[in-house]
């Protein structure tokens, strides 16, 4: 007897089947937590992100439109929640760093500051270009880059074939090259 697909498990979860949730969780909890950890860079925050993602999966199960790409959808949820967590932490850090204004400030050298700003601007430019990729290309590319997966592993994770993964990655790279103005 074959195992139910992720989409079938989501349908069962929408009907209140707790075993379906347990099976989905067993299949994908490690991937989601690992992805969240790579995005936020902190185990405790990654666990919070992962927990939020699983809560959202349960909450949206009734409206989930299965297309055979559950893990890609779950990674998108993870990415969005991780980015929100990063933004929230940055806002908190900025608020805490406000201080009284009486502190001495160690100003960096002008050339160092300009170099850092240029690097940050380039990183932000690449992130923005990646964010604009079609969802399935973006998830495939980010997963491939951050999880050090083989094509076979990525295909299994995305529920597709190896040639489809290679095509997704090729199209993602080409789109990035065009967006960033890279010469071929």
N, C-alpha and C. Protein backbone atom coordinates (compact mmCIF):
# COMPACT_ATOMS: atom_id res chain seq x y z
N UNK A 1 0.84 -1.18 0.00
CA UNK A 1 0.00 0.00 0.00
C UNK A 1 0.89 1.24 0.00
N UNK A 2 0.63 2.16 -0.91
CA UNK A 2 1.47 3.35 -1.01
C UNK A 2 1.07 4.38 0.04
N UNK A 3 2.03 5.22 0.35
CA UNK A 3 1.78 6.27 1.32
C UNK A 3 0.93 7.37 0.69
N UNK A 4 0.09 8.01 1.48
CA UNK A 4 -0.70 9.12 0.92
C UNK A 4 0.22 10.29 0.60
N UNK A 5 -0.16 11.05 -0.43
CA UNK A 5 0.62 12.24 -0.79
C UNK A 5 0.42 13.32 0.26
N UNK A 6 1.28 14.32 0.20
CA UNK A 6 1.14 15.45 1.12
C UNK A 6 -0.21 16.14 0.92
N UNK A 7 -0.63 16.27 -0.34
CA UNK A 7 -1.91 16.91 -0.61
C UNK A 7 -3.07 16.10 -0.02
N UNK A 8 -2.99 14.78 -0.10
CA UNK A 8 -4.03 13.94 0.51
C UNK A 8 -4.02 14.11 2.03
N UNK A 9 -2.84 14.21 2.61
CA UNK A 9 -2.76 14.41 4.05
C UNK A 9 -3.34 15.77 4.44
N UNK A 10 -3.12 16.78 3.62
CA UNK A 10 -3.70 18.10 3.90
C UNK A 10 -5.23 18.04 3.83
N UNK A 11 -5.77 17.27 2.88
CA UNK A 11 -7.23 17.12 2.80
C UNK A 11 -7.75 16.45 4.06
N UNK A 12 -7.06 15.42 4.51
CA UNK A 12 -7.47 14.73 5.73
C UNK A 12 -7.33 15.64 6.95
N UNK A 13 -6.27 16.43 6.98
CA UNK A 13 -6.07 17.37 8.08
C UNK A 13 -7.21 18.39 8.11
N UNK A 14 -7.63 18.84 6.94
CA UNK A 14 -8.74 19.80 6.86
C UNK A 14 -10.02 19.22 7.46
N UNK A 15 -10.13 17.90 7.44
CA UNK A 15 -11.31 17.22 8.01
C UNK A 15 -11.09 16.86 9.48
N UNK A 16 -9.96 17.30 10.04
CA UNK A 16 -9.70 17.08 11.46
C UNK A 16 -8.91 15.83 11.81
N UNK A 17 -8.33 15.17 10.83
CA UNK A 17 -7.56 13.94 11.06
C UNK A 17 -6.19 14.28 11.66
N UNK A 18 -6.03 14.05 12.95
CA UNK A 18 -4.77 14.36 13.63
C UNK A 18 -3.63 13.46 13.19
N UNK A 19 -3.94 12.25 12.76
CA UNK A 19 -2.89 11.36 12.25
C UNK A 19 -2.29 11.93 10.98
N UNK A 20 -3.10 12.60 10.18
CA UNK A 20 -2.59 13.23 8.95
C UNK A 20 -1.58 14.31 9.31
N UNK A 21 -1.92 15.10 10.34
CA UNK A 21 -0.97 16.13 10.79
C UNK A 21 0.33 15.47 11.27
N UNK A 22 0.20 14.44 12.07
CA UNK A 22 1.38 13.76 12.61
C UNK A 22 2.28 13.24 11.48
N UNK A 23 1.67 12.71 10.43
CA UNK A 23 2.46 12.19 9.32
C UNK A 23 3.14 13.32 8.54
N UNK A 24 2.41 14.40 8.29
CA UNK A 24 3.01 15.56 7.62
C UNK A 24 4.17 16.11 8.45
N UNK A 25 3.94 16.21 9.75
CA UNK A 25 4.96 16.73 10.64
C UNK A 25 6.20 15.83 10.63
N UNK A 26 5.98 14.54 10.69
CA UNK A 26 7.10 13.59 10.67
C UNK A 26 7.88 13.70 9.37
N UNK A 27 7.19 13.88 8.26
CA UNK A 27 7.86 13.97 6.95
C UNK A 27 8.67 15.25 6.79
N UNK A 28 8.14 16.35 7.30
CA UNK A 28 8.71 17.64 6.91
C UNK A 28 9.20 18.55 8.03
N UNK A 29 9.02 18.18 9.28
CA UNK A 29 9.41 19.07 10.38
C UNK A 29 10.90 19.41 10.35
N UNK A 30 11.73 18.42 10.09
CA UNK A 30 13.17 18.66 10.05
C UNK A 30 13.57 19.60 8.93
N UNK A 31 12.94 19.45 7.78
CA UNK A 31 13.25 20.32 6.64
C UNK A 31 12.84 21.76 6.94
N UNK A 32 11.65 21.91 7.50
CA UNK A 32 11.14 23.26 7.78
C UNK A 32 11.99 23.93 8.86
N UNK A 33 12.31 23.19 9.91
CA UNK A 33 13.13 23.76 10.98
C UNK A 33 14.53 24.09 10.45
N UNK A 34 15.12 23.20 9.67
CA UNK A 34 16.45 23.46 9.12
C UNK A 34 16.47 24.68 8.21
N UNK A 35 15.44 24.81 7.39
CA UNK A 35 15.34 25.96 6.48
C UNK A 35 15.18 27.24 7.30
N UNK A 36 14.31 27.21 8.30
CA UNK A 36 14.11 28.38 9.16
C UNK A 36 15.40 28.76 9.86
N UNK A 37 16.14 27.77 10.33
CA UNK A 37 17.40 28.03 11.03
C UNK A 37 18.41 28.71 10.11
N UNK A 38 18.48 28.25 8.88
CA UNK A 38 19.40 28.86 7.93
C UNK A 38 18.99 30.30 7.61
N UNK A 39 17.69 30.56 7.60
CA UNK A 39 17.22 31.90 7.27
C UNK A 39 17.42 32.88 8.42
N UNK A 40 17.11 32.46 9.65
CA UNK A 40 17.19 33.40 10.77
C UNK A 40 18.52 33.31 11.52
N UNK A 41 19.24 32.20 11.35
CA UNK A 41 20.56 32.06 11.96
C UNK A 41 20.57 31.83 13.45
N UNK A 42 19.46 31.43 14.01
CA UNK A 42 19.37 31.23 15.45
C UNK A 42 18.39 30.09 15.73
N UNK A 43 18.83 29.09 16.46
CA UNK A 43 18.01 27.89 16.70
C UNK A 43 16.69 28.22 17.41
N UNK A 44 16.75 29.04 18.45
CA UNK A 44 15.54 29.36 19.22
C UNK A 44 14.53 30.11 18.35
N UNK A 45 15.00 31.11 17.60
CA UNK A 45 14.08 31.84 16.71
C UNK A 45 13.57 30.94 15.61
N UNK A 46 14.42 30.04 15.11
CA UNK A 46 13.99 29.11 14.07
C UNK A 46 12.89 28.19 14.59
N UNK A 47 13.01 27.76 15.84
CA UNK A 47 11.95 26.92 16.43
C UNK A 47 10.64 27.68 16.53
N UNK A 48 10.72 28.97 16.88
CA UNK A 48 9.50 29.80 16.92
C UNK A 48 8.89 29.93 15.53
N UNK A 49 9.75 30.18 14.55
CA UNK A 49 9.28 30.29 13.16
C UNK A 49 8.62 28.99 12.73
N UNK A 50 9.29 27.88 12.99
CA UNK A 50 8.76 26.57 12.61
C UNK A 50 7.40 26.31 13.26
N UNK A 51 7.31 26.63 14.54
CA UNK A 51 6.03 26.44 15.24
C UNK A 51 4.93 27.29 14.61
N UNK A 52 5.26 28.53 14.27
CA UNK A 52 4.28 29.40 13.61
C UNK A 52 3.85 28.82 12.26
N UNK A 53 4.81 28.27 11.53
CA UNK A 53 4.51 27.69 10.22
C UNK A 53 3.55 26.50 10.38
N UNK A 54 3.83 25.63 11.35
CA UNK A 54 2.94 24.47 11.54
C UNK A 54 1.56 24.90 12.00
N UNK A 55 1.48 25.94 12.81
CA UNK A 55 0.18 26.48 13.21
C UNK A 55 -0.57 26.97 11.98
N UNK A 56 0.16 27.68 11.10
CA UNK A 56 -0.47 28.21 9.87
C UNK A 56 -0.90 27.07 8.95
N UNK A 57 -0.11 26.02 8.86
CA UNK A 57 -0.47 24.87 8.03
C UNK A 57 -1.80 24.29 8.50
N UNK A 58 -1.92 24.11 9.81
CA UNK A 58 -3.16 23.56 10.36
C UNK A 58 -4.32 24.52 10.10
N UNK A 59 -4.08 25.80 10.35
CA UNK A 59 -5.13 26.81 10.20
C UNK A 59 -5.63 26.93 8.76
N UNK A 60 -4.72 26.81 7.79
CA UNK A 60 -5.10 27.00 6.39
C UNK A 60 -5.43 25.70 5.67
N UNK A 61 -5.37 24.60 6.37
CA UNK A 61 -5.66 23.30 5.73
C UNK A 61 -7.00 23.29 4.99
N UNK A 62 -8.07 23.85 5.56
CA UNK A 62 -9.35 23.81 4.84
C UNK A 62 -9.35 24.56 3.51
N UNK A 63 -8.50 25.57 3.39
CA UNK A 63 -8.48 26.34 2.13
C UNK A 63 -7.28 25.98 1.26
N UNK A 64 -6.47 25.03 1.69
CA UNK A 64 -5.27 24.64 0.93
C UNK A 64 -5.67 24.08 -0.43
N UNK A 65 -5.06 24.62 -1.47
CA UNK A 65 -5.31 24.15 -2.83
C UNK A 65 -4.11 23.31 -3.27
N UNK A 66 -4.19 22.02 -3.07
CA UNK A 66 -3.08 21.13 -3.38
C UNK A 66 -2.75 21.10 -4.85
N UNK A 67 -1.47 21.21 -5.12
CA UNK A 67 -1.02 21.13 -6.51
C UNK A 67 0.21 20.23 -6.62
N UNK A 68 0.40 19.40 -5.59
CA UNK A 68 1.54 18.50 -5.61
C UNK A 68 2.82 19.15 -5.15
N UNK A 69 2.72 20.38 -4.61
CA UNK A 69 3.93 21.09 -4.19
C UNK A 69 3.80 21.56 -2.75
N UNK A 70 3.36 20.68 -1.87
CA UNK A 70 3.18 21.04 -0.47
C UNK A 70 4.45 21.62 0.13
N UNK A 71 5.58 20.95 -0.07
CA UNK A 71 6.81 21.40 0.59
C UNK A 71 7.24 22.76 0.05
N UNK A 72 7.03 23.02 -1.22
CA UNK A 72 7.36 24.34 -1.77
C UNK A 72 6.48 25.41 -1.10
N UNK A 73 5.20 25.09 -0.93
CA UNK A 73 4.27 26.00 -0.25
C UNK A 73 4.70 26.19 1.20
N UNK A 74 5.05 25.11 1.88
CA UNK A 74 5.47 25.19 3.28
C UNK A 74 6.77 25.99 3.41
N UNK A 75 7.68 25.83 2.45
CA UNK A 75 8.92 26.62 2.48
C UNK A 75 8.63 28.10 2.26
N UNK A 76 7.65 28.40 1.43
CA UNK A 76 7.27 29.80 1.23
C UNK A 76 6.72 30.38 2.53
N UNK A 77 5.87 29.61 3.22
CA UNK A 77 5.37 30.05 4.53
C UNK A 77 6.54 30.28 5.49
N UNK A 78 7.48 29.35 5.48
CA UNK A 78 8.64 29.44 6.37
C UNK A 78 9.46 30.68 6.05
N UNK A 79 9.71 30.89 4.79
CA UNK A 79 10.51 32.04 4.36
C UNK A 79 9.82 33.34 4.78
N UNK A 80 8.53 33.45 4.53
CA UNK A 80 7.81 34.67 4.89
C UNK A 80 7.82 34.91 6.39
N UNK A 81 7.59 33.86 7.16
CA UNK A 81 7.59 33.99 8.62
C UNK A 81 8.99 34.32 9.13
N UNK A 82 10.02 33.72 8.52
CA UNK A 82 11.39 34.01 8.92
C UNK A 82 11.75 35.46 8.64
N UNK A 83 11.35 35.96 7.48
CA UNK A 83 11.63 37.36 7.15
C UNK A 83 10.91 38.29 8.12
N UNK A 84 9.69 37.96 8.48
CA UNK A 84 8.97 38.77 9.48
C UNK A 84 9.70 38.74 10.81
N UNK A 85 10.19 37.60 11.20
CA UNK A 85 10.94 37.46 12.45
C UNK A 85 12.21 38.30 12.42
N UNK A 86 12.90 38.28 11.30
CA UNK A 86 14.12 39.07 11.15
C UNK A 86 13.80 40.56 11.25
N UNK A 87 12.73 40.99 10.55
CA UNK A 87 12.32 42.40 10.61
C UNK A 87 11.94 42.81 12.03
N UNK A 88 11.18 41.95 12.70
CA UNK A 88 10.76 42.25 14.07
C UNK A 88 11.97 42.37 14.99
N UNK A 89 12.93 41.47 14.84
CA UNK A 89 14.13 41.51 15.68
C UNK A 89 14.94 42.78 15.40
N UNK A 90 15.02 43.15 14.13
CA UNK A 90 15.76 44.36 13.76
C UNK A 90 15.10 45.60 14.36
N UNK A 91 13.76 45.66 14.31
CA UNK A 91 13.05 46.80 14.90
C UNK A 91 13.29 46.86 16.41
N UNK A 92 13.27 45.70 17.07
CA UNK A 92 13.52 45.66 18.50
C UNK A 92 14.94 46.11 18.81
N UNK A 93 15.91 45.63 18.04
CA UNK A 93 17.31 46.04 18.24
C UNK A 93 17.47 47.55 18.07
N UNK A 94 16.81 48.10 17.05
CA UNK A 94 16.90 49.54 16.81
C UNK A 94 16.26 50.32 17.95
N UNK A 95 15.13 49.83 18.45
CA UNK A 95 14.47 50.51 19.56
C UNK A 95 15.34 50.46 20.81
N UNK A 96 15.95 49.31 21.08
CA UNK A 96 16.81 49.17 22.25
C UNK A 96 18.10 49.97 22.12
N UNK A 97 18.57 50.14 20.90
CA UNK A 97 19.81 50.87 20.67
C UNK A 97 19.60 52.38 20.71
N UNK A 98 18.37 52.81 20.82
CA UNK A 98 18.06 54.24 20.84
C UNK A 98 18.84 54.99 21.89
N UNK A 99 18.89 54.47 23.09
CA UNK A 99 19.70 55.04 24.17
C UNK A 99 19.31 56.47 24.51
N UNK A 100 20.13 57.10 25.34
CA UNK A 100 19.84 58.45 25.82
C UNK A 100 20.49 59.53 24.95
N UNK A 101 21.39 59.13 24.08
CA UNK A 101 22.07 60.11 23.23
C UNK A 101 23.35 60.62 23.85
N UNK A 102 23.65 60.23 25.09
CA UNK A 102 24.85 60.70 25.78
C UNK A 102 26.06 59.81 25.52
N UNK A 103 25.87 58.69 24.85
CA UNK A 103 26.95 57.75 24.63
C UNK A 103 27.91 58.26 23.57
N UNK A 104 29.16 57.87 23.68
CA UNK A 104 30.12 58.18 22.64
C UNK A 104 29.92 57.20 21.49
N UNK A 105 30.00 57.70 20.28
CA UNK A 105 29.80 56.86 19.11
C UNK A 105 31.14 56.68 18.42
N UNK A 106 31.51 55.43 18.15
CA UNK A 106 32.75 55.13 17.44
C UNK A 106 32.43 55.09 15.95
N UNK A 107 32.80 56.15 15.25
CA UNK A 107 32.47 56.23 13.83
C UNK A 107 33.49 55.45 13.02
N UNK A 108 33.00 54.67 12.05
CA UNK A 108 33.93 53.92 11.20
C UNK A 108 34.63 54.85 10.21
N UNK A 109 35.74 54.39 9.70
CA UNK A 109 36.45 55.11 8.66
C UNK A 109 35.52 55.27 7.46
N UNK A 110 35.60 56.42 6.79
CA UNK A 110 34.70 56.72 5.68
C UNK A 110 34.78 55.67 4.57
N UNK A 111 36.00 55.26 4.20
CA UNK A 111 36.15 54.27 3.13
C UNK A 111 35.56 52.93 3.54
N UNK A 112 35.78 52.53 4.80
CA UNK A 112 35.20 51.28 5.29
C UNK A 112 33.68 51.34 5.26
N UNK A 113 33.13 52.47 5.68
CA UNK A 113 31.69 52.64 5.71
C UNK A 113 31.12 52.56 4.29
N UNK A 114 31.75 53.25 3.35
CA UNK A 114 31.27 53.22 1.97
C UNK A 114 31.32 51.80 1.41
N UNK A 115 32.39 51.07 1.71
CA UNK A 115 32.52 49.69 1.23
C UNK A 115 31.42 48.81 1.82
N UNK A 116 31.18 48.95 3.12
CA UNK A 116 30.12 48.17 3.77
C UNK A 116 28.76 48.49 3.17
N UNK A 117 28.50 49.76 2.94
CA UNK A 117 27.21 50.17 2.36
C UNK A 117 27.06 49.58 0.97
N UNK A 118 28.12 49.61 0.18
CA UNK A 118 28.06 49.06 -1.18
C UNK A 118 27.78 47.55 -1.15
N UNK A 119 28.45 46.83 -0.23
CA UNK A 119 28.22 45.39 -0.11
C UNK A 119 26.79 45.11 0.32
N UNK A 120 26.30 45.86 1.29
CA UNK A 120 24.92 45.66 1.75
C UNK A 120 23.93 45.97 0.63
N UNK A 121 24.20 47.00 -0.14
CA UNK A 121 23.32 47.36 -1.25
C UNK A 121 23.29 46.25 -2.29
N UNK A 122 24.44 45.66 -2.58
CA UNK A 122 24.50 44.57 -3.56
C UNK A 122 23.76 43.33 -3.05
N UNK A 123 23.95 43.01 -1.77
CA UNK A 123 23.23 41.87 -1.18
C UNK A 123 21.73 42.12 -1.25
N UNK A 124 21.31 43.32 -0.92
CA UNK A 124 19.88 43.66 -0.95
C UNK A 124 19.35 43.57 -2.39
N UNK A 125 20.15 43.99 -3.34
CA UNK A 125 19.75 43.92 -4.76
C UNK A 125 19.54 42.47 -5.19
N UNK A 126 20.45 41.58 -4.78
CA UNK A 126 20.32 40.16 -5.12
C UNK A 126 19.08 39.57 -4.43
N UNK A 127 18.90 39.89 -3.13
CA UNK A 127 17.73 39.39 -2.41
C UNK A 127 16.44 39.84 -3.09
N UNK A 128 16.39 41.10 -3.50
CA UNK A 128 15.19 41.60 -4.18
C UNK A 128 14.94 40.86 -5.49
N UNK A 129 16.02 40.59 -6.23
CA UNK A 129 15.88 39.86 -7.49
C UNK A 129 15.38 38.44 -7.23
N UNK A 130 15.88 37.80 -6.20
CA UNK A 130 15.42 36.45 -5.85
C UNK A 130 13.95 36.48 -5.44
N UNK A 131 13.57 37.50 -4.67
CA UNK A 131 12.17 37.63 -4.23
C UNK A 131 11.21 37.77 -5.40
N UNK A 132 11.68 38.31 -6.51
CA UNK A 132 10.81 38.53 -7.68
C UNK A 132 10.69 37.31 -8.58
N UNK A 133 11.47 36.27 -8.31
CA UNK A 133 11.37 35.04 -9.11
C UNK A 133 10.00 34.40 -8.89
N UNK A 134 9.50 33.67 -9.88
CA UNK A 134 8.28 32.90 -9.64
C UNK A 134 8.48 31.96 -8.46
N UNK A 135 7.43 31.74 -7.69
CA UNK A 135 7.53 31.01 -6.43
C UNK A 135 8.27 29.69 -6.55
N UNK A 136 7.91 28.87 -7.51
CA UNK A 136 8.52 27.54 -7.60
C UNK A 136 10.01 27.64 -7.93
N UNK A 137 10.40 28.61 -8.76
CA UNK A 137 11.82 28.83 -9.06
C UNK A 137 12.55 29.32 -7.81
N UNK A 138 11.94 30.26 -7.10
CA UNK A 138 12.54 30.83 -5.90
C UNK A 138 12.77 29.75 -4.84
N UNK A 139 11.76 28.93 -4.62
CA UNK A 139 11.89 27.89 -3.60
C UNK A 139 12.95 26.87 -4.01
N UNK A 140 12.95 26.50 -5.28
CA UNK A 140 13.96 25.54 -5.76
C UNK A 140 15.36 26.11 -5.60
N UNK A 141 15.56 27.36 -6.00
CA UNK A 141 16.88 27.98 -5.93
C UNK A 141 17.35 28.15 -4.49
N UNK A 142 16.50 28.70 -3.63
CA UNK A 142 16.89 28.92 -2.24
C UNK A 142 17.15 27.60 -1.54
N UNK A 143 16.31 26.62 -1.79
CA UNK A 143 16.52 25.30 -1.18
C UNK A 143 17.83 24.69 -1.65
N UNK A 144 18.10 24.77 -2.93
CA UNK A 144 19.32 24.20 -3.50
C UNK A 144 20.54 24.90 -2.93
N UNK A 145 20.48 26.22 -2.80
CA UNK A 145 21.63 26.98 -2.30
C UNK A 145 21.84 26.81 -0.80
N UNK A 146 20.76 26.76 -0.04
CA UNK A 146 20.90 26.77 1.41
C UNK A 146 20.95 25.39 2.04
N UNK A 147 20.41 24.40 1.36
CA UNK A 147 20.33 23.08 1.98
C UNK A 147 21.34 22.09 1.44
N UNK A 148 22.15 22.50 0.47
CA UNK A 148 23.19 21.65 -0.09
C UNK A 148 22.62 20.29 -0.51
N UNK A 149 21.51 20.35 -1.26
CA UNK A 149 20.84 19.14 -1.71
C UNK A 149 21.32 18.74 -3.10
N UNK A 150 21.31 17.46 -3.38
CA UNK A 150 21.56 16.99 -4.73
C UNK A 150 20.30 17.23 -5.54
N UNK A 151 20.41 17.10 -6.86
CA UNK A 151 19.22 17.26 -7.70
C UNK A 151 18.16 16.22 -7.33
N UNK A 152 18.59 15.00 -7.05
CA UNK A 152 17.65 13.94 -6.67
C UNK A 152 16.91 14.30 -5.38
N UNK A 153 17.66 14.78 -4.40
CA UNK A 153 17.04 15.14 -3.11
C UNK A 153 16.09 16.31 -3.27
N UNK A 154 16.50 17.29 -4.05
CA UNK A 154 15.64 18.46 -4.27
C UNK A 154 14.38 18.06 -5.03
N UNK A 155 14.52 17.19 -6.01
CA UNK A 155 13.35 16.72 -6.76
C UNK A 155 12.38 16.00 -5.83
N UNK A 156 12.90 15.17 -4.95
CA UNK A 156 12.04 14.46 -3.99
C UNK A 156 11.36 15.46 -3.05
N UNK A 157 12.10 16.44 -2.60
CA UNK A 157 11.55 17.44 -1.69
C UNK A 157 10.44 18.26 -2.35
N UNK A 158 10.63 18.58 -3.62
CA UNK A 158 9.65 19.39 -4.33
C UNK A 158 8.56 18.54 -4.98
N UNK A 159 8.72 17.23 -4.95
CA UNK A 159 7.72 16.35 -5.55
C UNK A 159 7.70 16.44 -7.06
N UNK A 160 8.88 16.53 -7.66
CA UNK A 160 8.97 16.64 -9.12
C UNK A 160 10.15 15.80 -9.60
N UNK A 161 10.45 15.89 -10.88
CA UNK A 161 11.53 15.09 -11.46
C UNK A 161 12.85 15.86 -11.46
N UNK A 162 13.95 15.12 -11.62
CA UNK A 162 15.27 15.75 -11.69
C UNK A 162 15.36 16.70 -12.89
N UNK A 163 14.89 16.29 -14.09
CA UNK A 163 14.94 17.25 -15.20
C UNK A 163 14.14 18.53 -14.92
N UNK A 164 13.02 18.40 -14.22
CA UNK A 164 12.23 19.59 -13.88
C UNK A 164 13.00 20.49 -12.92
N UNK A 165 13.71 19.90 -11.96
CA UNK A 165 14.52 20.68 -11.02
C UNK A 165 15.63 21.41 -11.78
N UNK A 166 16.31 20.71 -12.67
CA UNK A 166 17.38 21.34 -13.45
C UNK A 166 16.82 22.50 -14.28
N UNK A 167 15.66 22.31 -14.84
CA UNK A 167 15.02 23.36 -15.63
C UNK A 167 14.65 24.56 -14.75
N UNK A 168 14.10 24.29 -13.57
CA UNK A 168 13.75 25.37 -12.63
C UNK A 168 14.98 26.18 -12.25
N UNK A 169 16.06 25.48 -11.93
CA UNK A 169 17.28 26.16 -11.52
C UNK A 169 17.90 26.94 -12.68
N UNK A 170 17.85 26.38 -13.88
CA UNK A 170 18.37 27.08 -15.05
C UNK A 170 17.58 28.37 -15.30
N UNK A 171 16.24 28.25 -15.25
CA UNK A 171 15.39 29.43 -15.48
C UNK A 171 15.57 30.47 -14.38
N UNK A 172 15.73 30.01 -13.14
CA UNK A 172 15.95 30.94 -12.02
C UNK A 172 17.26 31.69 -12.22
N UNK A 173 18.32 30.95 -12.60
CA UNK A 173 19.61 31.60 -12.81
C UNK A 173 19.56 32.60 -13.96
N UNK A 174 18.90 32.21 -15.04
CA UNK A 174 18.78 33.11 -16.19
C UNK A 174 17.99 34.37 -15.80
N UNK A 175 16.91 34.20 -15.06
CA UNK A 175 16.12 35.36 -14.61
C UNK A 175 16.95 36.28 -13.72
N UNK A 176 17.75 35.70 -12.83
CA UNK A 176 18.60 36.51 -11.97
C UNK A 176 19.66 37.25 -12.78
N UNK A 177 20.24 36.56 -13.73
CA UNK A 177 21.24 37.22 -14.58
C UNK A 177 20.63 38.41 -15.30
N UNK A 178 19.43 38.24 -15.82
CA UNK A 178 18.77 39.34 -16.52
C UNK A 178 18.43 40.48 -15.56
N UNK A 179 17.91 40.13 -14.39
CA UNK A 179 17.52 41.15 -13.41
C UNK A 179 18.72 41.93 -12.90
N UNK A 180 19.84 41.25 -12.76
CA UNK A 180 21.03 41.87 -12.20
C UNK A 180 21.95 42.45 -13.27
N UNK A 181 21.58 42.24 -14.54
CA UNK A 181 22.37 42.81 -15.63
C UNK A 181 23.67 42.08 -15.88
N UNK A 182 23.74 40.80 -15.51
CA UNK A 182 24.97 40.02 -15.72
C UNK A 182 25.13 39.67 -17.18
N UNK A 183 26.35 39.69 -17.64
CA UNK A 183 26.67 39.32 -19.03
C UNK A 183 26.89 37.84 -19.12
N UNK A 184 26.43 37.24 -20.20
CA UNK A 184 26.64 35.80 -20.42
C UNK A 184 27.87 35.58 -21.24
